[in-house]
């Protein structure tokens, strides 16, 4: 229960970063999301709204950097990378988008439902309940084409839950699996991938993972505080080595097409925005396809 409660609470932090980014001039934003602020709790929304003043925003960024060096840019950039991949999939005519561990992310409303593509948001029951309330407050209802699916990845049958909500797994589908794998055991990760192995040809997937050498304590990447809280605290369990991702995915019929992390995010998003921000090195994004 403790691990799941912690995972649920971490849904708020990334969206605070995204919401704060919207107060920067558009060319300087690492990610663009006009809905992020609306889904935050009232008290957090009030605090985040104060980030329209530069000194408040900088103070919040400084505090975030102190506890998680490089985390601000790392989280914003991974979300931008995922947005880019989802937009590409929607433009290519993908049938559905499934967001595994949706948290408070808004991409289903911003990028998917508006394109008349079905979206499925999957998360822990507590997060789904909160998200449903947020959608009703914003739109008066859950947007057409969006299904909210409560699932515990360790104990529930993900496939059964999605099929019951209308997903046709044999069709080309885009899967988003952001900041989830580290909270699962290897068994939980493999259980999810076993279901994803049934995805139809032409399906796509983007997911994040924490580096195994960080979890093993071999390299802290300057993130000792994160290690102490999440690894030593036994909240994070699963990690991968970048060079072993391809073989791991191939066991389930997926082909790795690319990875992005610290250096890629810096050159692709941070530098073009004219920002001078560190990007943490403990996490990477993977883009894969089902042939």
Protein backbone atom coordinates (compact mmCIF):
# COMPACT_ATOMS: atom_id res chain seq x y z
CA UNK A 1 0.00 0.00 0.00
CA UNK A 2 2.85 2.37 0.87
CA UNK A 3 4.48 1.95 -2.51
CA UNK A 4 1.22 2.49 -4.38
CA UNK A 5 0.36 5.56 -2.30
CA UNK A 6 3.77 7.06 -3.06
CA UNK A 7 3.36 6.33 -6.76
CA UNK A 8 -0.04 8.02 -6.73
CA UNK A 9 1.31 11.13 -4.99
CA UNK A 10 4.14 11.54 -7.53
CA UNK A 11 1.54 12.31 -10.21
CA UNK A 12 1.34 15.93 -8.99
CA UNK A 13 4.99 17.04 -9.15
CA UNK A 14 5.58 16.62 -12.90
CA UNK A 15 2.43 18.56 -13.75
CA UNK A 16 3.50 21.44 -11.50
CA UNK A 17 6.66 21.67 -13.63
CA UNK A 18 4.63 21.57 -16.84
CA UNK A 19 2.19 24.22 -15.57
CA UNK A 20 5.02 26.52 -14.48
CA UNK A 21 6.65 26.24 -17.90
CA UNK A 22 3.56 27.89 -19.43
CA UNK A 23 4.43 31.22 -17.77
CA UNK A 24 7.61 31.49 -19.82
CA UNK A 25 7.58 33.14 -23.26
CA UNK A 26 6.52 30.46 -25.75
CA UNK A 27 9.92 30.12 -27.49
CA UNK A 28 11.51 29.36 -24.12
CA UNK A 29 9.07 26.68 -22.98
CA UNK A 30 10.35 23.13 -22.88
CA UNK A 31 6.78 21.86 -23.23
CA UNK A 32 3.48 23.45 -24.25
CA UNK A 33 0.37 22.44 -22.31
CA UNK A 34 -2.52 24.84 -21.77
CA UNK A 35 -4.43 22.34 -19.61
CA UNK A 36 -1.79 21.45 -17.01
CA UNK A 37 -2.83 24.03 -14.42
CA UNK A 38 -6.51 23.04 -14.52
CA UNK A 39 -5.97 19.50 -13.25
CA UNK A 40 -3.93 20.44 -10.18
CA UNK A 41 -5.56 20.53 -6.72
CA UNK A 42 -6.78 24.04 -5.73
CA UNK A 43 -3.99 24.72 -3.22
CA UNK A 44 -1.29 23.51 -5.62
CA UNK A 45 -2.93 25.46 -8.45
CA UNK A 46 -2.75 28.62 -6.36
CA UNK A 47 0.94 28.12 -5.61
CA UNK A 48 1.70 27.24 -9.20
CA UNK A 49 -0.23 30.25 -10.44
CA UNK A 50 2.17 32.47 -8.49
CA UNK A 51 4.87 31.28 -10.91
CA UNK A 52 3.69 33.96 -13.32
CA UNK A 53 6.09 36.11 -11.30
CA UNK A 54 9.62 35.27 -12.31
CA UNK A 55 11.10 35.37 -8.80
CA UNK A 56 8.54 32.82 -7.54
CA UNK A 57 9.15 30.57 -10.52
CA UNK A 58 12.91 30.75 -10.03
CA UNK A 59 12.56 29.98 -6.32
CA UNK A 60 10.49 26.90 -7.11
CA UNK A 61 12.98 25.77 -9.73
CA UNK A 62 15.86 26.26 -7.29
CA UNK A 63 14.08 24.18 -4.67
CA UNK A 64 13.36 21.44 -7.23
CA UNK A 65 16.97 21.42 -8.40
CA UNK A 66 18.25 21.11 -4.85
CA UNK A 67 16.28 17.92 -4.21
CA UNK A 68 16.56 16.50 -7.74
CA UNK A 69 19.39 18.05 -9.78
CA UNK A 70 18.41 18.13 -13.44
CA UNK A 71 14.91 16.92 -12.66
CA UNK A 72 13.06 20.03 -13.85
CA UNK A 73 14.41 19.87 -17.39
CA UNK A 74 14.48 16.08 -17.39
CA UNK A 75 10.77 15.77 -16.61
CA UNK A 76 9.72 18.58 -18.96
CA UNK A 77 11.80 17.15 -21.80
CA UNK A 78 10.59 13.58 -21.41
CA UNK A 79 7.02 14.88 -21.61
CA UNK A 80 7.90 16.90 -24.71
CA UNK A 81 9.47 13.82 -26.31
CA UNK A 82 6.35 11.79 -25.55
CA UNK A 83 4.11 14.54 -26.93
CA UNK A 84 6.16 14.50 -30.14
CA UNK A 85 5.82 10.73 -30.53
CA UNK A 86 2.06 10.76 -29.80
CA UNK A 87 1.54 13.59 -32.31
CA UNK A 88 3.44 11.60 -34.94
CA UNK A 89 1.31 8.53 -34.26
CA UNK A 90 -1.96 10.47 -34.45
CA UNK A 91 -0.87 12.14 -37.68
CA UNK A 92 -0.01 8.71 -39.11
CA UNK A 93 -3.57 7.47 -38.48
CA UNK A 94 -3.09 5.34 -35.37
CA UNK A 95 -6.36 3.79 -34.13
CA UNK A 96 -6.05 4.36 -30.37
CA UNK A 97 -3.71 5.80 -27.74
CA UNK A 98 -3.33 4.01 -24.40
CA UNK A 99 -1.66 5.95 -21.59
CA UNK A 100 -0.39 3.51 -18.96
CA UNK A 101 0.07 5.33 -15.67
CA UNK A 102 -1.61 8.52 -16.92
CA UNK A 103 -1.35 10.47 -13.68
CA UNK A 104 -2.50 14.03 -14.30
CA UNK A 105 -1.04 14.15 -17.80
CA UNK A 106 -3.28 15.95 -20.29
CA UNK A 107 -2.15 14.50 -23.61
CA UNK A 108 -5.33 12.45 -24.05
CA UNK A 109 -7.38 15.66 -24.05
CA UNK A 110 -4.84 17.86 -25.85
CA UNK A 111 -3.52 15.60 -28.59
CA UNK A 112 -5.76 12.56 -28.92
CA UNK A 113 -9.47 13.21 -28.29
CA UNK A 114 -9.40 16.40 -30.36
CA UNK A 115 -8.05 14.38 -33.28
CA UNK A 116 -11.05 12.02 -33.01
CA UNK A 117 -8.82 9.14 -31.90
CA UNK A 118 -9.83 6.95 -28.95
CA UNK A 119 -7.79 7.45 -25.79
CA UNK A 120 -7.54 5.16 -22.77
CA UNK A 121 -6.07 6.51 -19.53
CA UNK A 122 -4.94 3.76 -17.17
CA UNK A 123 -3.78 4.36 -13.61
CA UNK A 124 -4.21 3.46 -9.96
CA UNK A 125 -7.86 3.82 -8.82
CA UNK A 126 -7.08 6.86 -6.64
CA UNK A 127 -5.53 8.73 -9.56
CA UNK A 128 -8.36 7.78 -11.91
CA UNK A 129 -10.93 9.03 -9.41
CA UNK A 130 -9.13 12.35 -9.11
CA UNK A 131 -8.69 12.65 -12.88
CA UNK A 132 -12.38 12.00 -13.48
CA UNK A 133 -13.30 14.81 -11.07
CA UNK A 134 -10.85 17.12 -12.82
CA UNK A 135 -12.27 16.39 -16.25
CA UNK A 136 -15.81 16.97 -15.04
CA UNK A 137 -14.79 20.28 -13.47
CA UNK A 138 -13.09 21.37 -16.69
CA UNK A 139 -15.43 20.00 -19.36
CA UNK A 140 -18.60 19.10 -17.45
CA UNK A 141 -17.93 15.44 -18.27
CA UNK A 142 -15.20 13.05 -19.34
CA UNK A 143 -14.45 14.11 -22.94
CA UNK A 144 -15.92 11.99 -25.70
CA UNK A 145 -13.48 9.34 -26.83
CA UNK A 146 -11.59 9.20 -23.51
CA UNK A 147 -11.97 6.14 -21.27
CA UNK A 148 -10.65 6.17 -17.70
CA UNK A 149 -9.49 2.71 -16.63
CA UNK A 150 -8.49 1.97 -12.99
CA UNK A 151 -5.76 -0.70 -12.83
CA UNK A 152 -3.04 -1.83 -10.45
CA UNK A 153 -0.29 -3.07 -12.78
CA UNK A 154 1.03 -5.54 -10.20
CA UNK A 155 -2.24 -7.28 -9.35
CA UNK A 156 -4.92 -6.52 -11.96
CA UNK A 157 -5.47 -7.89 -15.45
CA UNK A 158 -4.55 -4.94 -17.67
CA UNK A 159 -5.70 -6.58 -20.88
CA UNK A 160 -9.09 -7.54 -19.51
CA UNK A 161 -9.65 -4.00 -18.17
CA UNK A 162 -8.79 -2.37 -21.49
CA UNK A 163 -10.80 -4.79 -23.62
CA UNK A 164 -13.83 -4.25 -21.37
CA UNK A 165 -13.50 -0.54 -22.09
CA UNK A 166 -13.47 -1.10 -25.84
CA UNK A 167 -9.82 -1.42 -26.84
CA UNK A 168 -9.21 -3.63 -29.86
CA UNK A 169 -5.71 -4.84 -29.17
CA UNK A 170 -5.28 -6.27 -32.68
CA UNK A 171 -5.48 -2.75 -34.15
CA UNK A 172 -2.50 -0.41 -34.46
CA UNK A 173 -2.23 1.33 -31.09
CA UNK A 174 0.07 3.91 -29.53
CA UNK A 175 1.13 3.02 -25.97
CA UNK A 176 2.55 5.61 -23.56
CA UNK A 177 4.19 4.25 -20.41
CA UNK A 178 5.76 7.19 -18.60
CA UNK A 179 7.45 7.03 -15.18
CA UNK A 180 5.86 3.70 -14.25
CA UNK A 181 8.32 0.87 -14.81
CA UNK A 182 10.59 1.80 -11.89
CA UNK A 183 7.71 1.41 -9.42
CA UNK A 184 7.05 -2.15 -10.57
CA UNK A 185 8.84 -5.40 -9.93
CA UNK A 186 10.41 -7.12 -12.92
CA UNK A 187 7.46 -9.50 -12.83
CA UNK A 188 5.06 -6.57 -13.06
CA UNK A 189 6.94 -5.07 -16.01
CA UNK A 190 7.03 -8.39 -17.83
CA UNK A 191 3.33 -8.95 -17.13
CA UNK A 192 2.51 -5.66 -18.83
CA UNK A 193 4.82 -6.38 -21.77
CA UNK A 194 3.21 -9.81 -22.20
CA UNK A 195 -0.08 -8.02 -22.83
CA UNK A 196 1.58 -5.46 -25.12
CA UNK A 197 3.05 -8.32 -27.16
CA UNK A 198 -0.50 -8.89 -28.47
CA UNK A 199 -0.63 -5.43 -30.05
CA UNK A 200 -1.30 -5.31 -33.77
CA UNK A 201 1.31 -4.65 -36.45
CA UNK A 202 2.06 -0.96 -36.77
CA UNK A 203 1.63 -0.32 -33.06
CA UNK A 204 4.00 2.09 -31.38
CA UNK A 205 5.23 2.56 -27.83
CA UNK A 206 7.14 5.20 -25.89
CA UNK A 207 8.18 4.45 -22.32
CA UNK A 208 10.65 5.59 -19.69
CA UNK A 209 12.99 3.62 -17.49
CA UNK A 210 15.49 4.32 -14.74
CA UNK A 211 19.05 3.21 -15.36
CA UNK A 212 19.98 -0.03 -13.64
CA UNK A 213 23.41 1.21 -12.61
CA UNK A 214 21.65 3.96 -10.64
CA UNK A 215 19.37 1.46 -8.90
CA UNK A 216 22.40 -0.72 -8.14
CA UNK A 217 24.24 2.24 -6.61
CA UNK A 218 27.09 1.97 -9.13
CA UNK A 219 26.57 5.55 -10.41
CA UNK A 220 24.45 8.16 -8.65
CA UNK A 221 24.53 10.65 -11.58
CA UNK A 222 24.54 13.43 -8.99
CA UNK A 223 21.11 12.33 -7.73
CA UNK A 224 21.95 11.01 -4.26
CA UNK A 225 18.80 12.52 -2.73
CA UNK A 226 16.61 10.73 -5.27
CA UNK A 227 18.49 7.50 -4.58
CA UNK A 228 17.98 7.86 -0.85
CA UNK A 229 14.26 8.55 -1.19
CA UNK A 230 13.23 6.17 -3.93
CA UNK A 231 15.83 3.40 -4.11
CA UNK A 232 17.01 3.07 -0.51
CA UNK A 233 13.41 3.68 0.51
CA UNK A 234 12.41 0.70 -1.67
CA UNK A 235 9.93 2.65 -3.78
CA UNK A 236 11.72 2.02 -7.08
CA UNK A 237 12.51 -1.57 -8.02
CA UNK A 238 13.08 -2.01 -11.74
CA UNK A 239 15.73 -0.62 -14.05
CA UNK A 240 17.41 -1.35 -17.36
CA UNK A 241 20.82 -0.87 -18.93
CA UNK A 242 20.50 1.19 -22.16
CA UNK A 243 22.40 -1.38 -24.21
CA UNK A 244 20.06 -4.19 -23.12
CA UNK A 245 16.76 -2.51 -23.94
CA UNK A 246 16.64 -3.80 -27.52
CA UNK A 247 17.00 -7.45 -26.50
CA UNK A 248 14.55 -7.05 -23.63
CA UNK A 249 11.85 -5.63 -25.93
CA UNK A 250 12.49 -8.21 -28.64
CA UNK A 251 11.34 -10.93 -26.23
CA UNK A 252 7.86 -9.43 -26.61
CA UNK A 253 7.92 -8.72 -30.34
CA UNK A 254 8.85 -5.04 -30.11
CA UNK A 255 11.67 -3.33 -31.99
CA UNK A 256 13.56 -0.45 -30.42
CA UNK A 257 13.70 2.53 -32.79
CA UNK A 258 15.43 5.05 -30.58
CA UNK A 259 16.34 6.26 -27.11
CA UNK A 260 16.65 9.73 -25.64
CA UNK A 261 18.13 10.96 -22.40
CA UNK A 262 20.34 13.71 -20.98
CA UNK A 263 22.37 14.62 -24.08
CA UNK A 264 19.52 14.18 -26.57
CA UNK A 265 17.12 16.28 -24.49
CA UNK A 266 19.70 19.02 -24.05
CA UNK A 267 20.43 19.31 -27.78
CA UNK A 268 16.85 18.78 -28.96
CA UNK A 269 14.88 20.91 -26.50
CA UNK A 270 16.90 22.81 -23.88
CA UNK A 271 19.51 24.51 -26.07
CA UNK A 272 17.08 25.57 -28.86
CA UNK A 273 14.93 27.22 -26.15
CA UNK A 274 17.92 29.27 -25.05
CA UNK A 275 17.80 27.74 -21.58
CA UNK A 276 20.79 26.82 -19.46
CA UNK A 277 19.45 23.95 -17.41
CA UNK A 278 20.98 20.62 -16.40
CA UNK A 279 19.13 17.43 -17.35
CA UNK A 280 19.31 14.47 -15.01
CA UNK A 281 20.95 11.32 -16.28
CA UNK A 282 19.12 8.63 -14.32
CA UNK A 283 16.20 8.20 -16.71
CA UNK A 284 15.79 7.54 -20.43
CA UNK A 285 12.93 7.37 -22.94
CA UNK A 286 12.53 4.58 -25.48
CA UNK A 287 10.56 4.62 -28.71
CA UNK A 288 9.63 1.22 -30.15
CA UNK A 289 7.46 -0.25 -32.89
CA UNK A 290 5.59 -3.52 -33.40
CA UNK A 291 6.26 -4.94 -36.87
